[in-house]
Amino acid sequence: MRTRQPTTTTLEDQRIPVQAKLAAAWTSFMFFYIYVDYFHLYKAGVIDDILAGNVFVFDISGTLLTIFLALVGIPALMVMLSMTLPARVNRATNLVVASLYIPVTVFNASGVSLDWASFYGLSIGLEVLLLAFILRSAWSWPRTAPSATMPTRREADRAQQQA
């Protein structure tokens, strides 16, 4: 006689560490960030402007390219930092960097024509959603309750004074 096997199984949702969520979100942000810049090159006249030495309203210079490198490099570093920094520093760093990148991301909408509004609206919207996820994840970082076996700071100070 055969034992009947269940036809459906319940999938298990494993708890994902906050660091992994943050690193994944920064990685996704980087993909959007880079691909938006790449797809922007398909816009008529953009490559001609670059060949003429201009990006948006700025002359291409070492300073401008250094700024661009920093704007891409910081989120790229956040992938690694989110996995390696201690929790307290990690939380603060993610809150600060994600907060600073929201206005940087929204700046990409400046000077956009209606023809390109959907492209920039979608790309900026997705990037801001990822940054909001980063902010929410870092802000709500789980805290551990003090152990019942570990003395509180006050108890430790009292014990030290009595010694």
Protein backbone atom coordinates (compact mmCIF):
# COMPACT_ATOMS: atom_id res chain seq x y z
CA MET A 1 0.00 0.00 0.00
CA ARG A 2 1.29 3.48 -0.90
CA THR A 3 1.50 6.35 1.50
CA ARG A 4 -0.21 9.38 0.07
CA GLN A 5 2.14 12.32 -0.41
CA PRO A 6 0.83 15.84 0.19
CA THR A 7 0.13 17.58 -3.10
CA THR A 8 1.12 21.02 -1.88
CA THR A 9 3.82 22.18 0.45
CA THR A 10 4.08 25.39 2.35
CA LEU A 11 7.09 27.47 1.46
CA GLU A 12 9.17 28.62 4.36
CA ASP A 13 9.96 32.31 4.73
CA GLN A 14 13.37 32.47 6.31
CA ARG A 15 14.37 35.58 8.22
CA ILE A 16 16.76 37.64 6.13
CA PRO A 17 19.34 39.67 8.06
CA VAL A 18 18.95 43.44 7.77
CA GLN A 19 22.49 43.67 6.38
CA ALA A 20 21.57 41.39 3.46
CA LYS A 21 18.38 43.37 2.75
CA LEU A 22 20.35 46.62 2.71
CA ALA A 23 23.09 45.21 0.47
CA ALA A 24 20.47 43.84 -1.93
CA ALA A 25 18.64 47.17 -2.01
CA TRP A 26 21.86 49.11 -2.69
CA THR A 27 22.71 46.62 -5.45
CA SER A 28 19.30 47.13 -7.06
CA PHE A 29 19.71 50.88 -6.69
CA MET A 30 23.08 50.66 -8.47
CA PHE A 31 21.58 48.71 -11.37
CA PHE A 32 18.87 51.35 -11.85
CA TYR A 33 21.35 54.17 -11.40
CA ILE A 34 23.73 52.83 -14.03
CA TYR A 35 21.09 51.69 -16.52
CA VAL A 36 19.22 55.01 -16.40
CA ASP A 37 22.48 56.75 -17.32
CA TYR A 38 23.12 54.16 -20.03
CA PHE A 39 19.63 54.41 -21.56
CA HIS A 40 19.91 58.21 -21.41
CA LEU A 41 22.58 57.89 -24.11
CA TYR A 42 19.85 56.82 -26.58
CA LYS A 43 18.28 60.26 -26.30
CA ALA A 44 18.86 62.26 -29.48
CA GLY A 45 21.78 64.66 -29.27
CA VAL A 46 23.21 63.35 -26.00
CA ILE A 47 26.26 61.69 -27.54
CA ASP A 48 26.86 64.75 -29.73
CA ASP A 49 26.82 66.92 -26.58
CA ILE A 50 29.24 64.54 -24.85
CA LEU A 51 31.58 64.62 -27.87
CA ALA A 52 31.37 68.42 -27.76
CA GLY A 53 32.42 68.30 -24.10
CA ASN A 54 29.07 68.94 -22.35
CA VAL A 55 26.86 66.95 -20.03
CA PHE A 56 23.49 68.55 -19.22
CA VAL A 57 24.61 72.17 -18.69
CA PHE A 58 28.10 71.33 -17.41
CA ASP A 59 31.41 71.28 -19.26
CA ILE A 60 33.10 67.89 -19.00
CA SER A 61 36.13 68.25 -16.73
CA GLY A 62 38.13 66.25 -14.25
CA THR A 63 36.09 67.81 -11.45
CA LEU A 64 32.78 66.84 -13.06
CA LEU A 65 33.90 63.27 -13.68
CA THR A 66 35.18 63.04 -10.09
CA ILE A 67 31.74 64.12 -8.87
CA PHE A 68 30.10 61.53 -11.15
CA LEU A 69 32.48 58.85 -9.85
CA ALA A 70 31.64 59.76 -6.24
CA LEU A 71 27.91 59.70 -7.01
CA VAL A 72 28.22 56.16 -8.37
CA GLY A 73 30.98 55.03 -6.01
CA ILE A 74 29.20 55.80 -2.75
CA PRO A 75 26.18 53.52 -3.40
CA ALA A 76 28.57 50.86 -4.73
CA LEU A 77 30.52 51.03 -1.46
CA MET A 78 27.25 50.87 0.48
CA VAL A 79 26.73 47.34 -0.83
CA MET A 80 29.92 46.23 0.91
CA LEU A 81 29.54 48.49 3.95
CA SER A 82 26.00 47.23 4.58
CA MET A 83 27.40 43.73 5.00
CA THR A 84 30.49 44.58 7.05
CA LEU A 85 29.91 47.57 9.35
CA PRO A 86 28.85 47.00 12.96
CA ALA A 87 25.08 47.36 13.44
CA ARG A 88 25.04 50.82 15.07
CA VAL A 89 27.38 52.40 12.51
CA ASN A 90 25.70 50.47 9.69
CA ARG A 91 22.26 51.79 10.63
CA ALA A 92 23.45 55.40 10.88
CA THR A 93 25.44 55.22 7.64
CA ASN A 94 22.49 53.81 5.70
CA LEU A 95 20.12 56.43 7.11
CA VAL A 96 22.45 59.30 6.22
CA VAL A 97 23.49 58.11 2.76
CA ALA A 98 19.98 57.10 1.65
CA SER A 99 18.61 60.45 2.90
CA LEU A 100 21.25 62.34 0.93
CA TYR A 101 20.59 60.35 -2.24
CA ILE A 102 16.88 61.17 -2.42
CA PRO A 103 17.49 64.81 -3.51
CA VAL A 104 20.36 63.67 -5.77
CA THR A 105 18.01 61.20 -7.45
CA VAL A 106 15.17 63.71 -7.79
CA PHE A 107 17.61 66.21 -9.37
CA ASN A 108 17.65 63.94 -12.44
CA ALA A 109 14.18 65.26 -13.27
CA SER A 110 15.45 68.81 -13.77
CA GLY A 111 15.07 70.01 -17.32
CA VAL A 112 13.12 66.93 -18.45
CA SER A 113 10.77 67.44 -21.39
CA LEU A 114 7.31 65.89 -21.44
CA ASP A 115 8.52 63.40 -24.06
CA TRP A 116 10.85 61.90 -21.46
CA ALA A 117 8.69 62.38 -18.36
CA SER A 118 7.57 58.74 -18.23
CA PHE A 119 11.16 57.44 -18.48
CA TYR A 120 12.47 59.72 -15.76
CA GLY A 121 9.32 59.44 -13.66
CA LEU A 122 9.55 55.66 -13.61
CA SER A 123 13.31 55.53 -13.06
CA ILE A 124 13.32 58.17 -10.33
CA GLY A 125 10.24 56.65 -8.73
CA LEU A 126 11.86 53.21 -8.55
CA GLU A 127 15.12 54.61 -7.21
CA VAL A 128 13.27 56.62 -4.53
CA LEU A 129 11.26 53.50 -3.59
CA LEU A 130 14.52 51.58 -3.12
CA LEU A 131 15.94 54.43 -1.02
CA ALA A 132 12.73 54.47 1.05
CA PHE A 133 13.11 50.72 1.58
CA ILE A 134 16.70 51.29 2.74
CA LEU A 135 15.57 54.03 5.12
CA ARG A 136 12.75 51.88 6.51
CA SER A 137 14.98 48.83 6.92
CA ALA A 138 17.72 50.81 8.65
CA TRP A 139 15.27 52.78 10.82
CA SER A 140 13.45 49.64 12.01
CA TRP A 141 16.65 47.64 12.59
CA PRO A 142 15.74 44.98 15.18
CA ARG A 143 17.11 45.52 18.63
CA THR A 144 18.08 42.80 21.05
CA ALA A 145 16.74 42.88 24.56
CA PRO A 146 19.39 42.95 27.28
CA SER A 147 20.11 39.45 28.48
CA ALA A 148 18.76 38.49 31.90
CA THR A 149 22.20 37.15 32.78
CA MET A 150 24.05 40.32 31.80
CA PRO A 151 24.10 43.12 34.36
CA THR A 152 22.67 46.49 33.38
CA ARG A 153 25.03 49.44 33.18
CA ARG A 154 23.82 50.69 36.56
CA GLU A 155 24.36 47.26 38.16
CA ALA A 156 27.84 47.01 36.63
CA ASP A 157 28.76 50.48 37.95
CA ARG A 158 27.45 49.59 41.43
CA ALA A 159 29.42 46.33 41.45
CA GLN A 160 32.57 48.17 40.39
CA GLN A 161 32.14 50.76 43.17
CA GLN A 162 31.67 48.04 45.78
CA ALA A 163 34.80 46.20 44.65
